[in-house]
């Protein structure tokens, strides 16, 4: 159980620092409107992740529960994480230049920012790619004990939500030092860590 929790936390924190529309929207919203509204956006992102995982988990259940598929699923999932990590490192400067994630809401209201976070995350195709790979890996690794699979996914979701909440809290306080260079460095480490996690998954599955 501890292994599932610790692996989930590490992966969740890493995913929370990947540059994308939700990442920038959370920082911009928190800097402009403060923690309360930023936390509302993070809640919307969390709810969309939860909804996405539920759909994928139900859809992939029969396929990933087949024992003969588990090795290939884990290897494929590891490669997906490596590819995401590499693309994160290569494309991190482009993401910053192309950043237009902030959709202005003139009168900040909590429920509107929850909806904004939900839709912003659900409309990002990369969200489905990494959640499909993670759900597949989870089912392949812990398919014989489904409660461990659920603990692993719950740990990832909790880590992402907590990290997003901390980002929302710190963004306004650190706005003077939170420049593009710092964000690039953070994202570089997140990309490297994803590559390492992917490699470890592949090596563990074939050894």
N, C-alpha and C. Protein backbone atom coordinates (compact mmCIF):
# COMPACT_ATOMS: atom_id res chain seq x y z
N UNK A 1 0.82 -1.21 0.00
CA UNK A 1 0.00 0.00 0.00
C UNK A 1 0.86 1.26 0.00
N UNK A 2 1.93 1.25 0.83
CA UNK A 2 2.80 2.42 0.90
C UNK A 2 3.44 2.72 -0.45
N UNK A 3 3.80 1.64 -1.17
CA UNK A 3 4.40 1.82 -2.49
C UNK A 3 3.45 2.49 -3.45
N UNK A 4 2.19 2.08 -3.44
CA UNK A 4 1.18 2.68 -4.32
C UNK A 4 0.96 4.15 -3.98
N UNK A 5 0.95 4.47 -2.68
CA UNK A 5 0.74 5.86 -2.24
C UNK A 5 1.93 6.73 -2.62
N UNK A 6 3.15 6.24 -2.33
CA UNK A 6 4.35 7.04 -2.61
C UNK A 6 4.55 7.25 -4.11
N UNK A 7 4.32 6.20 -4.90
CA UNK A 7 4.44 6.34 -6.36
C UNK A 7 3.40 7.31 -6.90
N UNK A 8 2.19 7.23 -6.36
CA UNK A 8 1.12 8.13 -6.79
C UNK A 8 1.42 9.58 -6.46
N UNK A 9 1.97 9.83 -5.27
CA UNK A 9 2.30 11.20 -4.86
C UNK A 9 3.38 11.79 -5.75
N UNK A 10 4.44 11.01 -6.00
CA UNK A 10 5.55 11.49 -6.85
C UNK A 10 5.04 11.83 -8.25
N UNK A 11 4.25 10.93 -8.82
CA UNK A 11 3.72 11.15 -10.17
C UNK A 11 2.75 12.32 -10.19
N UNK A 12 1.93 12.45 -9.16
CA UNK A 12 0.95 13.54 -9.09
C UNK A 12 1.60 14.90 -9.01
N UNK A 13 2.62 15.03 -8.15
CA UNK A 13 3.34 16.31 -8.02
C UNK A 13 4.02 16.66 -9.34
N UNK A 14 4.59 15.64 -10.00
CA UNK A 14 5.25 15.88 -11.29
C UNK A 14 4.26 16.38 -12.33
N UNK A 15 3.10 15.74 -12.43
CA UNK A 15 2.08 16.15 -13.40
C UNK A 15 1.58 17.57 -13.13
N UNK A 16 1.55 17.96 -11.87
CA UNK A 16 1.04 19.29 -11.51
C UNK A 16 1.95 20.42 -12.00
N UNK A 17 3.21 20.07 -12.31
CA UNK A 17 4.15 21.10 -12.76
C UNK A 17 4.39 21.09 -14.27
N UNK A 18 3.62 20.28 -15.00
CA UNK A 18 3.75 20.29 -16.46
C UNK A 18 3.11 21.57 -17.01
N UNK A 19 3.83 22.22 -17.93
CA UNK A 19 3.31 23.47 -18.51
C UNK A 19 2.17 23.15 -19.48
N UNK A 20 1.11 23.89 -19.36
CA UNK A 20 -0.04 23.76 -20.24
C UNK A 20 -1.03 24.86 -19.93
N UNK A 21 -2.17 24.88 -20.61
CA UNK A 21 -3.16 25.93 -20.38
C UNK A 21 -3.60 26.05 -18.92
N UNK A 22 -3.82 24.91 -18.26
CA UNK A 22 -4.27 24.94 -16.87
C UNK A 22 -3.20 25.50 -15.95
N UNK A 23 -1.95 25.16 -16.23
CA UNK A 23 -0.82 25.65 -15.42
C UNK A 23 -0.78 27.17 -15.43
N UNK A 24 -0.82 27.76 -16.62
CA UNK A 24 -0.74 29.21 -16.74
C UNK A 24 -2.00 29.89 -16.21
N UNK A 25 -3.16 29.31 -16.49
CA UNK A 25 -4.41 29.90 -16.02
C UNK A 25 -4.44 29.96 -14.50
N UNK A 26 -3.93 28.90 -13.85
CA UNK A 26 -3.91 28.86 -12.40
C UNK A 26 -2.99 29.94 -11.82
N UNK A 27 -1.80 30.08 -12.40
CA UNK A 27 -0.86 31.10 -11.93
C UNK A 27 -1.42 32.50 -12.15
N UNK A 28 -1.91 32.76 -13.36
CA UNK A 28 -2.42 34.09 -13.70
C UNK A 28 -3.63 34.47 -12.84
N UNK A 29 -4.54 33.51 -12.67
CA UNK A 29 -5.75 33.78 -11.89
C UNK A 29 -5.40 34.05 -10.42
N UNK A 30 -4.47 33.27 -9.88
CA UNK A 30 -4.08 33.44 -8.48
C UNK A 30 -3.37 34.76 -8.25
N UNK A 31 -2.51 35.15 -9.19
CA UNK A 31 -1.80 36.42 -9.08
C UNK A 31 -2.77 37.59 -9.15
N UNK A 32 -3.74 37.49 -10.05
CA UNK A 32 -4.67 38.60 -10.29
C UNK A 32 -5.78 38.69 -9.24
N UNK A 33 -6.33 37.55 -8.84
CA UNK A 33 -7.53 37.56 -7.99
C UNK A 33 -7.30 36.97 -6.59
N UNK A 34 -6.11 36.43 -6.33
CA UNK A 34 -5.83 35.89 -5.01
C UNK A 34 -6.10 34.41 -4.87
N UNK A 35 -5.82 33.90 -3.67
CA UNK A 35 -5.87 32.46 -3.42
C UNK A 35 -7.28 31.88 -3.57
N UNK A 36 -8.29 32.55 -3.06
CA UNK A 36 -9.65 32.00 -3.04
C UNK A 36 -10.14 31.66 -4.44
N UNK A 37 -9.94 32.59 -5.38
CA UNK A 37 -10.38 32.36 -6.76
C UNK A 37 -9.46 31.34 -7.44
N UNK A 38 -8.15 31.43 -7.15
CA UNK A 38 -7.20 30.45 -7.70
C UNK A 38 -7.53 29.04 -7.24
N UNK A 39 -7.90 28.91 -5.97
CA UNK A 39 -8.29 27.61 -5.42
C UNK A 39 -9.56 27.09 -6.09
N UNK A 40 -10.47 27.99 -6.43
CA UNK A 40 -11.70 27.60 -7.14
C UNK A 40 -11.36 27.02 -8.51
N UNK A 41 -10.41 27.66 -9.20
CA UNK A 41 -9.97 27.16 -10.50
C UNK A 41 -9.33 25.78 -10.34
N UNK A 42 -8.49 25.62 -9.31
CA UNK A 42 -7.84 24.34 -9.04
C UNK A 42 -8.88 23.25 -8.74
N UNK A 43 -9.96 23.63 -8.08
CA UNK A 43 -11.04 22.68 -7.78
C UNK A 43 -11.72 22.21 -9.06
N UNK A 44 -11.95 23.13 -9.99
CA UNK A 44 -12.52 22.76 -11.28
C UNK A 44 -11.62 21.81 -12.05
N UNK A 45 -10.31 22.07 -12.01
CA UNK A 45 -9.33 21.20 -12.67
C UNK A 45 -9.37 19.81 -12.04
N UNK A 46 -9.41 19.77 -10.71
CA UNK A 46 -9.47 18.50 -9.99
C UNK A 46 -10.72 17.70 -10.36
N UNK A 47 -11.86 18.36 -10.41
CA UNK A 47 -13.12 17.68 -10.75
C UNK A 47 -13.09 17.12 -12.17
N UNK A 48 -12.47 17.86 -13.09
CA UNK A 48 -12.38 17.37 -14.47
C UNK A 48 -11.44 16.16 -14.55
N UNK A 49 -10.34 16.18 -13.78
CA UNK A 49 -9.44 15.02 -13.73
C UNK A 49 -10.17 13.80 -13.18
N UNK A 50 -10.94 14.01 -12.12
CA UNK A 50 -11.70 12.92 -11.51
C UNK A 50 -12.71 12.34 -12.50
N UNK A 51 -13.41 13.21 -13.21
CA UNK A 51 -14.39 12.79 -14.20
C UNK A 51 -13.72 12.03 -15.34
N UNK A 52 -12.58 12.54 -15.79
CA UNK A 52 -11.84 11.93 -16.89
C UNK A 52 -11.35 10.53 -16.50
N UNK A 53 -10.80 10.40 -15.29
CA UNK A 53 -10.31 9.11 -14.80
C UNK A 53 -11.45 8.10 -14.70
N UNK A 54 -12.59 8.54 -14.19
CA UNK A 54 -13.74 7.64 -14.05
C UNK A 54 -14.18 7.09 -15.41
N UNK A 55 -14.24 7.96 -16.42
CA UNK A 55 -14.63 7.52 -17.76
C UNK A 55 -13.62 6.53 -18.33
N UNK A 56 -12.33 6.87 -18.19
CA UNK A 56 -11.28 6.00 -18.74
C UNK A 56 -11.24 4.67 -18.00
N UNK A 57 -11.34 4.72 -16.67
CA UNK A 57 -11.28 3.52 -15.85
C UNK A 57 -12.38 2.54 -16.23
N UNK A 58 -13.58 3.05 -16.44
CA UNK A 58 -14.71 2.21 -16.84
C UNK A 58 -14.49 1.65 -18.25
N UNK A 59 -14.00 2.50 -19.15
CA UNK A 59 -13.81 2.09 -20.54
C UNK A 59 -12.70 1.08 -20.74
N UNK A 60 -11.64 1.16 -19.92
CA UNK A 60 -10.48 0.28 -20.10
C UNK A 60 -10.53 -0.96 -19.21
N UNK A 61 -11.52 -1.05 -18.34
CA UNK A 61 -11.55 -2.10 -17.31
C UNK A 61 -11.37 -3.50 -17.89
N UNK A 62 -12.16 -3.85 -18.89
CA UNK A 62 -12.11 -5.21 -19.43
C UNK A 62 -10.76 -5.51 -20.07
N UNK A 63 -10.22 -4.53 -20.80
CA UNK A 63 -8.97 -4.76 -21.52
C UNK A 63 -7.80 -4.93 -20.56
N UNK A 64 -7.67 -4.02 -19.58
CA UNK A 64 -6.50 -4.04 -18.70
C UNK A 64 -6.58 -5.16 -17.67
N UNK A 65 -7.76 -5.70 -17.41
CA UNK A 65 -7.88 -6.78 -16.43
C UNK A 65 -7.45 -8.13 -16.99
N UNK A 66 -7.22 -8.19 -18.29
CA UNK A 66 -6.72 -9.41 -18.91
C UNK A 66 -5.24 -9.56 -18.58
N UNK A 67 -4.85 -10.61 -17.82
CA UNK A 67 -3.45 -10.76 -17.38
C UNK A 67 -2.43 -10.72 -18.51
N UNK A 68 -2.77 -11.28 -19.67
CA UNK A 68 -1.82 -11.33 -20.78
C UNK A 68 -1.51 -9.95 -21.35
N UNK A 69 -2.36 -8.97 -21.06
CA UNK A 69 -2.15 -7.62 -21.60
C UNK A 69 -1.33 -6.72 -20.67
N UNK A 70 -1.17 -7.11 -19.41
CA UNK A 70 -0.63 -6.19 -18.41
C UNK A 70 0.81 -5.77 -18.68
N UNK A 71 1.65 -6.73 -19.12
CA UNK A 71 3.04 -6.40 -19.41
C UNK A 71 3.13 -5.35 -20.51
N UNK A 72 2.40 -5.56 -21.59
CA UNK A 72 2.44 -4.64 -22.73
C UNK A 72 1.85 -3.27 -22.37
N UNK A 73 0.81 -3.28 -21.53
CA UNK A 73 0.20 -2.02 -21.11
C UNK A 73 1.18 -1.20 -20.28
N UNK A 74 1.88 -1.86 -19.35
CA UNK A 74 2.84 -1.15 -18.51
C UNK A 74 3.97 -0.57 -19.34
N UNK A 75 4.50 -1.36 -20.28
CA UNK A 75 5.58 -0.88 -21.15
C UNK A 75 5.10 0.29 -22.00
N UNK A 76 3.91 0.14 -22.60
CA UNK A 76 3.36 1.22 -23.43
C UNK A 76 3.13 2.48 -22.60
N UNK A 77 2.59 2.31 -21.39
CA UNK A 77 2.37 3.46 -20.51
C UNK A 77 3.67 4.14 -20.13
N UNK A 78 4.71 3.34 -19.88
CA UNK A 78 6.02 3.91 -19.57
C UNK A 78 6.56 4.74 -20.72
N UNK A 79 6.40 4.22 -21.94
CA UNK A 79 6.86 4.97 -23.13
C UNK A 79 6.07 6.26 -23.30
N UNK A 80 4.77 6.23 -23.02
CA UNK A 80 3.96 7.45 -23.12
C UNK A 80 4.47 8.51 -22.16
N UNK A 81 4.78 8.11 -20.92
CA UNK A 81 5.30 9.06 -19.93
C UNK A 81 6.65 9.62 -20.38
N UNK A 82 7.50 8.78 -20.96
CA UNK A 82 8.79 9.24 -21.48
C UNK A 82 8.59 10.26 -22.59
N UNK A 83 7.67 9.96 -23.51
CA UNK A 83 7.39 10.88 -24.63
C UNK A 83 6.85 12.21 -24.11
N UNK A 84 5.94 12.15 -23.13
CA UNK A 84 5.41 13.38 -22.55
C UNK A 84 6.53 14.18 -21.88
N UNK A 85 7.42 13.47 -21.17
CA UNK A 85 8.55 14.13 -20.53
C UNK A 85 9.47 14.82 -21.52
N UNK A 86 9.79 14.11 -22.62
CA UNK A 86 10.67 14.68 -23.65
C UNK A 86 10.01 15.88 -24.32
N UNK A 87 8.72 15.74 -24.67
CA UNK A 87 8.02 16.85 -25.33
C UNK A 87 7.88 18.04 -24.39
N UNK A 88 7.75 17.77 -23.09
CA UNK A 88 7.68 18.86 -22.10
C UNK A 88 8.97 19.66 -22.10
N UNK A 89 10.10 18.96 -22.14
CA UNK A 89 11.41 19.63 -22.14
C UNK A 89 11.61 20.40 -23.44
N UNK A 90 11.30 19.77 -24.57
CA UNK A 90 11.53 20.40 -25.88
C UNK A 90 10.61 21.59 -26.11
N UNK A 91 9.34 21.45 -25.72
CA UNK A 91 8.32 22.45 -26.05
C UNK A 91 8.07 23.48 -24.96
N UNK A 92 8.85 23.45 -23.86
CA UNK A 92 8.52 24.31 -22.72
C UNK A 92 8.60 25.80 -23.07
N UNK A 93 9.55 26.20 -23.92
CA UNK A 93 9.66 27.62 -24.31
C UNK A 93 8.49 28.03 -25.19
N UNK A 94 8.07 27.12 -26.07
CA UNK A 94 6.94 27.42 -26.97
C UNK A 94 5.66 27.61 -26.17
N UNK A 95 5.47 26.78 -25.12
CA UNK A 95 4.28 26.90 -24.29
C UNK A 95 4.20 28.28 -23.64
N UNK A 96 5.34 28.79 -23.21
CA UNK A 96 5.36 30.11 -22.57
C UNK A 96 5.05 31.20 -23.59
N UNK A 97 5.64 31.11 -24.78
CA UNK A 97 5.40 32.12 -25.82
C UNK A 97 3.95 32.10 -26.29
N UNK A 98 3.37 30.89 -26.37
CA UNK A 98 2.01 30.75 -26.90
C UNK A 98 0.94 30.86 -25.83
N UNK A 99 1.36 31.19 -24.62
CA UNK A 99 0.40 31.19 -23.51
C UNK A 99 -0.71 32.20 -23.72
N UNK A 100 -1.94 31.68 -23.88
CA UNK A 100 -3.11 32.55 -23.95
C UNK A 100 -4.26 31.91 -23.18
N UNK A 101 -3.88 31.22 -22.09
CA UNK A 101 -4.85 30.39 -21.37
C UNK A 101 -5.83 31.18 -20.53
N UNK A 102 -5.51 32.43 -20.20
CA UNK A 102 -6.36 33.16 -19.27
C UNK A 102 -7.61 33.68 -19.97
N UNK A 103 -8.76 33.14 -19.59
CA UNK A 103 -10.05 33.60 -20.11
C UNK A 103 -10.62 34.55 -19.07
N UNK A 104 -10.76 35.80 -19.43
CA UNK A 104 -11.14 36.82 -18.46
C UNK A 104 -12.59 36.67 -18.02
N UNK A 105 -12.78 36.67 -16.71
CA UNK A 105 -14.11 36.74 -16.11
C UNK A 105 -14.15 38.03 -15.32
N UNK A 106 -14.97 38.99 -15.76
CA UNK A 106 -14.92 40.35 -15.23
C UNK A 106 -15.21 40.40 -13.73
N UNK A 107 -16.25 39.69 -13.29
CA UNK A 107 -16.59 39.68 -11.87
C UNK A 107 -16.24 38.31 -11.30
N UNK A 108 -15.14 38.22 -10.53
CA UNK A 108 -14.72 36.92 -10.02
C UNK A 108 -15.77 36.27 -9.12
N UNK A 109 -16.27 35.12 -9.54
CA UNK A 109 -17.21 34.35 -8.73
C UNK A 109 -16.69 32.93 -8.65
N UNK A 110 -16.79 32.35 -7.47
CA UNK A 110 -16.21 31.03 -7.23
C UNK A 110 -16.74 29.99 -8.20
N UNK A 111 -18.05 29.91 -8.37
CA UNK A 111 -18.62 28.85 -9.22
C UNK A 111 -18.21 29.01 -10.68
N UNK A 112 -18.03 30.27 -11.13
CA UNK A 112 -17.61 30.50 -12.52
C UNK A 112 -16.19 30.00 -12.75
N UNK A 113 -15.33 30.18 -11.75
CA UNK A 113 -13.95 29.72 -11.90
C UNK A 113 -13.83 28.21 -11.73
N UNK A 114 -14.74 27.61 -10.98
CA UNK A 114 -14.78 26.14 -10.93
C UNK A 114 -15.15 25.59 -12.31
N UNK A 115 -16.15 26.19 -12.92
CA UNK A 115 -16.57 25.79 -14.28
C UNK A 115 -15.45 26.03 -15.28
N UNK A 116 -14.78 27.18 -15.16
CA UNK A 116 -13.68 27.51 -16.06
C UNK A 116 -12.56 26.47 -15.96
N UNK A 117 -12.19 26.11 -14.72
CA UNK A 117 -11.14 25.11 -14.52
C UNK A 117 -11.52 23.77 -15.09
N UNK A 118 -12.78 23.38 -14.90
CA UNK A 118 -13.28 22.10 -15.42
C UNK A 118 -13.19 22.06 -16.94
N UNK A 119 -13.72 23.09 -17.60
CA UNK A 119 -13.75 23.13 -19.06
C UNK A 119 -12.36 23.28 -19.65
N UNK A 120 -11.53 24.12 -19.03
CA UNK A 120 -10.17 24.35 -19.53
C UNK A 120 -9.37 23.06 -19.56
N UNK A 121 -9.54 22.25 -18.52
CA UNK A 121 -8.82 20.99 -18.43
C UNK A 121 -9.41 19.94 -19.37
N UNK A 122 -10.73 19.87 -19.43
CA UNK A 122 -11.39 18.86 -20.27
C UNK A 122 -11.16 19.09 -21.75
N UNK A 123 -10.93 20.33 -22.16
CA UNK A 123 -10.74 20.65 -23.57
C UNK A 123 -9.28 20.53 -24.01
N UNK A 124 -8.41 20.09 -23.10
CA UNK A 124 -7.00 19.92 -23.42
C UNK A 124 -6.75 18.45 -23.80
N UNK A 125 -6.45 18.14 -25.08
CA UNK A 125 -6.27 16.75 -25.51
C UNK A 125 -5.19 15.99 -24.76
N UNK A 126 -4.12 16.68 -24.36
CA UNK A 126 -3.02 16.00 -23.67
C UNK A 126 -3.46 15.42 -22.33
N UNK A 127 -4.49 16.00 -21.73
CA UNK A 127 -5.01 15.49 -20.46
C UNK A 127 -5.48 14.05 -20.62
N UNK A 128 -6.18 13.78 -21.72
CA UNK A 128 -6.69 12.43 -21.97
C UNK A 128 -5.55 11.46 -22.22
N UNK A 129 -4.51 11.92 -22.91
CA UNK A 129 -3.38 11.05 -23.23
C UNK A 129 -2.69 10.56 -21.97
N UNK A 130 -2.34 11.50 -21.06
CA UNK A 130 -1.60 11.03 -19.89
C UNK A 130 -2.49 10.32 -18.87
N UNK A 131 -3.78 10.66 -18.81
CA UNK A 131 -4.64 9.92 -17.89
C UNK A 131 -4.92 8.51 -18.40
N UNK A 132 -5.06 8.35 -19.71
CA UNK A 132 -5.25 7.00 -20.27
C UNK A 132 -4.04 6.13 -19.94
N UNK A 133 -2.83 6.68 -20.13
CA UNK A 133 -1.61 5.91 -19.85
C UNK A 133 -1.50 5.60 -18.36
N UNK A 134 -1.84 6.55 -17.50
CA UNK A 134 -1.72 6.35 -16.06
C UNK A 134 -2.75 5.33 -15.55
N UNK A 135 -3.99 5.43 -16.02
CA UNK A 135 -5.02 4.47 -15.62
C UNK A 135 -4.64 3.07 -16.10
N UNK A 136 -4.11 2.98 -17.31
CA UNK A 136 -3.69 1.68 -17.85
C UNK A 136 -2.55 1.09 -17.02
N UNK A 137 -1.57 1.92 -16.68
CA UNK A 137 -0.45 1.48 -15.84
C UNK A 137 -0.95 1.02 -14.48
N UNK A 138 -1.84 1.80 -13.90
CA UNK A 138 -2.40 1.48 -12.59
C UNK A 138 -3.10 0.12 -12.60
N UNK A 139 -3.93 -0.10 -13.60
CA UNK A 139 -4.67 -1.36 -13.70
C UNK A 139 -3.75 -2.53 -13.98
N UNK A 140 -2.72 -2.29 -14.79
CA UNK A 140 -1.78 -3.36 -15.12
C UNK A 140 -0.92 -3.75 -13.92
N UNK A 141 -0.49 -2.75 -13.15
CA UNK A 141 0.39 -3.02 -12.01
C UNK A 141 -0.37 -3.58 -10.81
N UNK A 142 -1.57 -3.08 -10.58
CA UNK A 142 -2.31 -3.45 -9.38
C UNK A 142 -3.64 -4.14 -9.70
N UNK A 143 -3.75 -4.67 -10.92
CA UNK A 143 -5.00 -5.28 -11.35
C UNK A 143 -5.44 -6.45 -10.48
N UNK A 144 -4.47 -7.17 -9.89
CA UNK A 144 -4.80 -8.30 -9.04
C UNK A 144 -5.36 -7.85 -7.69
N UNK A 145 -5.09 -6.59 -7.31
CA UNK A 145 -5.63 -6.01 -6.08
C UNK A 145 -6.20 -4.63 -6.42
N UNK A 146 -7.46 -4.59 -6.76
CA UNK A 146 -8.07 -3.36 -7.30
C UNK A 146 -8.03 -2.21 -6.31
N UNK A 147 -8.05 -2.52 -5.02
CA UNK A 147 -8.02 -1.43 -4.04
C UNK A 147 -6.69 -0.67 -4.11
N UNK A 148 -5.59 -1.38 -4.46
CA UNK A 148 -4.30 -0.72 -4.62
C UNK A 148 -4.30 0.20 -5.84
N UNK A 149 -4.97 -0.24 -6.89
CA UNK A 149 -5.11 0.59 -8.09
C UNK A 149 -5.85 1.87 -7.77
N UNK A 150 -6.92 1.76 -6.99
CA UNK A 150 -7.70 2.93 -6.60
C UNK A 150 -6.90 3.84 -5.67
N UNK A 151 -6.11 3.24 -4.77
CA UNK A 151 -5.26 4.04 -3.86
C UNK A 151 -4.21 4.80 -4.67
N UNK A 152 -3.62 4.13 -5.67
CA UNK A 152 -2.61 4.76 -6.53
C UNK A 152 -3.21 5.97 -7.25
N UNK A 153 -4.38 5.79 -7.86
CA UNK A 153 -5.04 6.89 -8.58
C UNK A 153 -5.48 8.00 -7.64
N UNK A 154 -5.99 7.61 -6.46
CA UNK A 154 -6.40 8.62 -5.47
C UNK A 154 -5.21 9.43 -4.98
N UNK A 155 -4.05 8.77 -4.84
CA UNK A 155 -2.83 9.47 -4.41
C UNK A 155 -2.38 10.47 -5.46
N UNK A 156 -2.48 10.08 -6.74
CA UNK A 156 -2.12 11.00 -7.82
C UNK A 156 -3.03 12.22 -7.82
N UNK A 157 -4.34 11.97 -7.78
CA UNK A 157 -5.32 13.06 -7.79
C UNK A 157 -5.14 13.99 -6.59
N UNK A 158 -4.93 13.40 -5.42
CA UNK A 158 -4.74 14.20 -4.20
C UNK A 158 -3.49 15.05 -4.29
N UNK A 159 -2.40 14.45 -4.82
CA UNK A 159 -1.14 15.18 -4.96
C UNK A 159 -1.27 16.33 -5.95
N UNK A 160 -1.96 16.08 -7.07
CA UNK A 160 -2.17 17.14 -8.07
C UNK A 160 -2.99 18.28 -7.47
N UNK A 161 -4.07 17.93 -6.79
CA UNK A 161 -4.97 18.94 -6.20
C UNK A 161 -4.25 19.75 -5.12
N UNK A 162 -3.51 19.06 -4.25
CA UNK A 162 -2.78 19.75 -3.18
C UNK A 162 -1.70 20.66 -3.75
N UNK A 163 -0.97 20.15 -4.76
CA UNK A 163 0.09 20.95 -5.38
C UNK A 163 -0.49 22.16 -6.10
N UNK A 164 -1.61 21.97 -6.80
CA UNK A 164 -2.27 23.10 -7.47
C UNK A 164 -2.74 24.14 -6.44
N UNK A 165 -3.24 23.67 -5.30
CA UNK A 165 -3.69 24.58 -4.25
C UNK A 165 -2.52 25.37 -3.67
N UNK A 166 -1.39 24.70 -3.49
CA UNK A 166 -0.18 25.38 -2.99
C UNK A 166 0.31 26.40 -4.02
N UNK A 167 0.26 26.02 -5.31
CA UNK A 167 0.64 26.97 -6.37
C UNK A 167 -0.25 28.21 -6.34
N UNK A 168 -1.54 27.99 -6.14
CA UNK A 168 -2.49 29.11 -6.08
C UNK A 168 -2.18 30.02 -4.89
N UNK A 169 -1.79 29.41 -3.77
CA UNK A 169 -1.48 30.19 -2.57
C UNK A 169 -0.18 30.98 -2.72
N UNK A 170 0.83 30.32 -3.31
CA UNK A 170 2.15 30.94 -3.40
C UNK A 170 2.29 31.91 -4.58
N UNK A 171 1.46 31.74 -5.61
CA UNK A 171 1.61 32.54 -6.84
C UNK A 171 1.56 34.03 -6.55
N UNK A 172 0.59 34.46 -5.75
CA UNK A 172 0.45 35.89 -5.45
C UNK A 172 1.59 36.39 -4.59
N UNK A 173 2.09 35.55 -3.69
CA UNK A 173 3.15 35.96 -2.78
C UNK A 173 4.52 35.97 -3.47
N UNK A 174 4.67 35.13 -4.51
CA UNK A 174 5.97 35.01 -5.18
C UNK A 174 5.96 35.62 -6.58
N UNK A 175 4.97 36.46 -6.88
CA UNK A 175 4.83 36.96 -8.25
C UNK A 175 6.04 37.78 -8.72
N UNK A 176 6.79 38.35 -7.78
CA UNK A 176 7.95 39.16 -8.16
C UNK A 176 9.10 38.30 -8.67
N UNK A 177 9.19 37.05 -8.19
CA UNK A 177 10.29 36.18 -8.62
C UNK A 177 9.83 35.07 -9.55
N UNK A 178 8.50 34.92 -9.72
CA UNK A 178 7.97 33.84 -10.54
C UNK A 178 7.95 34.26 -12.01
N UNK A 179 9.14 34.32 -12.61
CA UNK A 179 9.25 34.75 -14.00
C UNK A 179 9.34 33.54 -14.94
N UNK A 180 9.44 33.82 -16.24
CA UNK A 180 9.50 32.75 -17.24
C UNK A 180 10.68 31.82 -17.02
N UNK A 181 11.82 32.37 -16.60
CA UNK A 181 13.03 31.56 -16.40
C UNK A 181 12.81 30.53 -15.29
N UNK A 182 12.21 30.95 -14.19
CA UNK A 182 11.94 30.04 -13.08
C UNK A 182 10.96 28.95 -13.51
N UNK A 183 9.92 29.34 -14.24
CA UNK A 183 8.93 28.37 -14.72
C UNK A 183 9.57 27.35 -15.65
N UNK A 184 10.48 27.80 -16.52
CA UNK A 184 11.18 26.89 -17.44
C UNK A 184 12.02 25.88 -16.67
N UNK A 185 12.70 26.33 -15.61
CA UNK A 185 13.52 25.42 -14.81
C UNK A 185 12.65 24.37 -14.12
N UNK A 186 11.55 24.82 -13.52
CA UNK A 186 10.63 23.90 -12.85
C UNK A 186 10.11 22.85 -13.83
N UNK A 187 9.73 23.32 -15.03
CA UNK A 187 9.18 22.41 -16.03
C UNK A 187 10.23 21.44 -16.57
N UNK A 188 11.48 21.90 -16.64
CA UNK A 188 12.58 21.03 -17.06
C UNK A 188 12.71 19.85 -16.10
N UNK A 189 12.71 20.15 -14.80
CA UNK A 189 12.81 19.09 -13.80
C UNK A 189 11.60 18.15 -13.85
N UNK A 190 10.42 18.70 -14.09
CA UNK A 190 9.21 17.88 -14.20
C UNK A 190 9.32 16.92 -15.39
N UNK A 191 9.83 17.42 -16.52
CA UNK A 191 10.01 16.59 -17.71
C UNK A 191 11.01 15.48 -17.47
N UNK A 192 12.14 15.81 -16.82
CA UNK A 192 13.17 14.81 -16.52
C UNK A 192 12.61 13.73 -15.59
N UNK A 193 11.86 14.17 -14.58
CA UNK A 193 11.28 13.22 -13.62
C UNK A 193 10.28 12.28 -14.29
N UNK A 194 9.49 12.80 -15.24
CA UNK A 194 8.56 11.94 -15.98
C UNK A 194 9.30 10.89 -16.79
N UNK A 195 10.41 11.28 -17.40
CA UNK A 195 11.22 10.33 -18.17
C UNK A 195 11.75 9.23 -17.25
N UNK A 196 12.23 9.62 -16.07
CA UNK A 196 12.76 8.65 -15.11
C UNK A 196 11.66 7.69 -14.65
N UNK A 197 10.48 8.23 -14.34
CA UNK A 197 9.36 7.39 -13.91
C UNK A 197 8.98 6.39 -15.01
N UNK A 198 8.95 6.87 -16.27
CA UNK A 198 8.64 5.99 -17.40
C UNK A 198 9.66 4.87 -17.55
N UNK A 199 10.94 5.21 -17.42
CA UNK A 199 12.01 4.22 -17.53
C UNK A 199 11.92 3.18 -16.41
N UNK A 200 11.66 3.65 -15.20
CA UNK A 200 11.55 2.73 -14.06
C UNK A 200 10.39 1.75 -14.27
N UNK A 201 9.26 2.25 -14.76
CA UNK A 201 8.11 1.38 -15.02
C UNK A 201 8.45 0.30 -16.05
N UNK A 202 9.13 0.70 -17.12
CA UNK A 202 9.49 -0.25 -18.17
C UNK A 202 10.47 -1.30 -17.64
N UNK A 203 11.49 -0.84 -16.91
CA UNK A 203 12.51 -1.76 -16.39
C UNK A 203 11.91 -2.73 -15.37
N UNK A 204 11.02 -2.22 -14.51
CA UNK A 204 10.39 -3.09 -13.51
C UNK A 204 9.51 -4.15 -14.17
N UNK A 205 8.89 -3.80 -15.28
CA UNK A 205 7.97 -4.74 -15.93
C UNK A 205 8.69 -5.85 -16.68
N UNK A 206 9.92 -5.59 -17.13
CA UNK A 206 10.63 -6.60 -17.93
C UNK A 206 11.68 -7.37 -17.12
N UNK A 207 11.92 -6.93 -15.90
CA UNK A 207 12.93 -7.60 -15.08
C UNK A 207 12.30 -8.65 -14.17
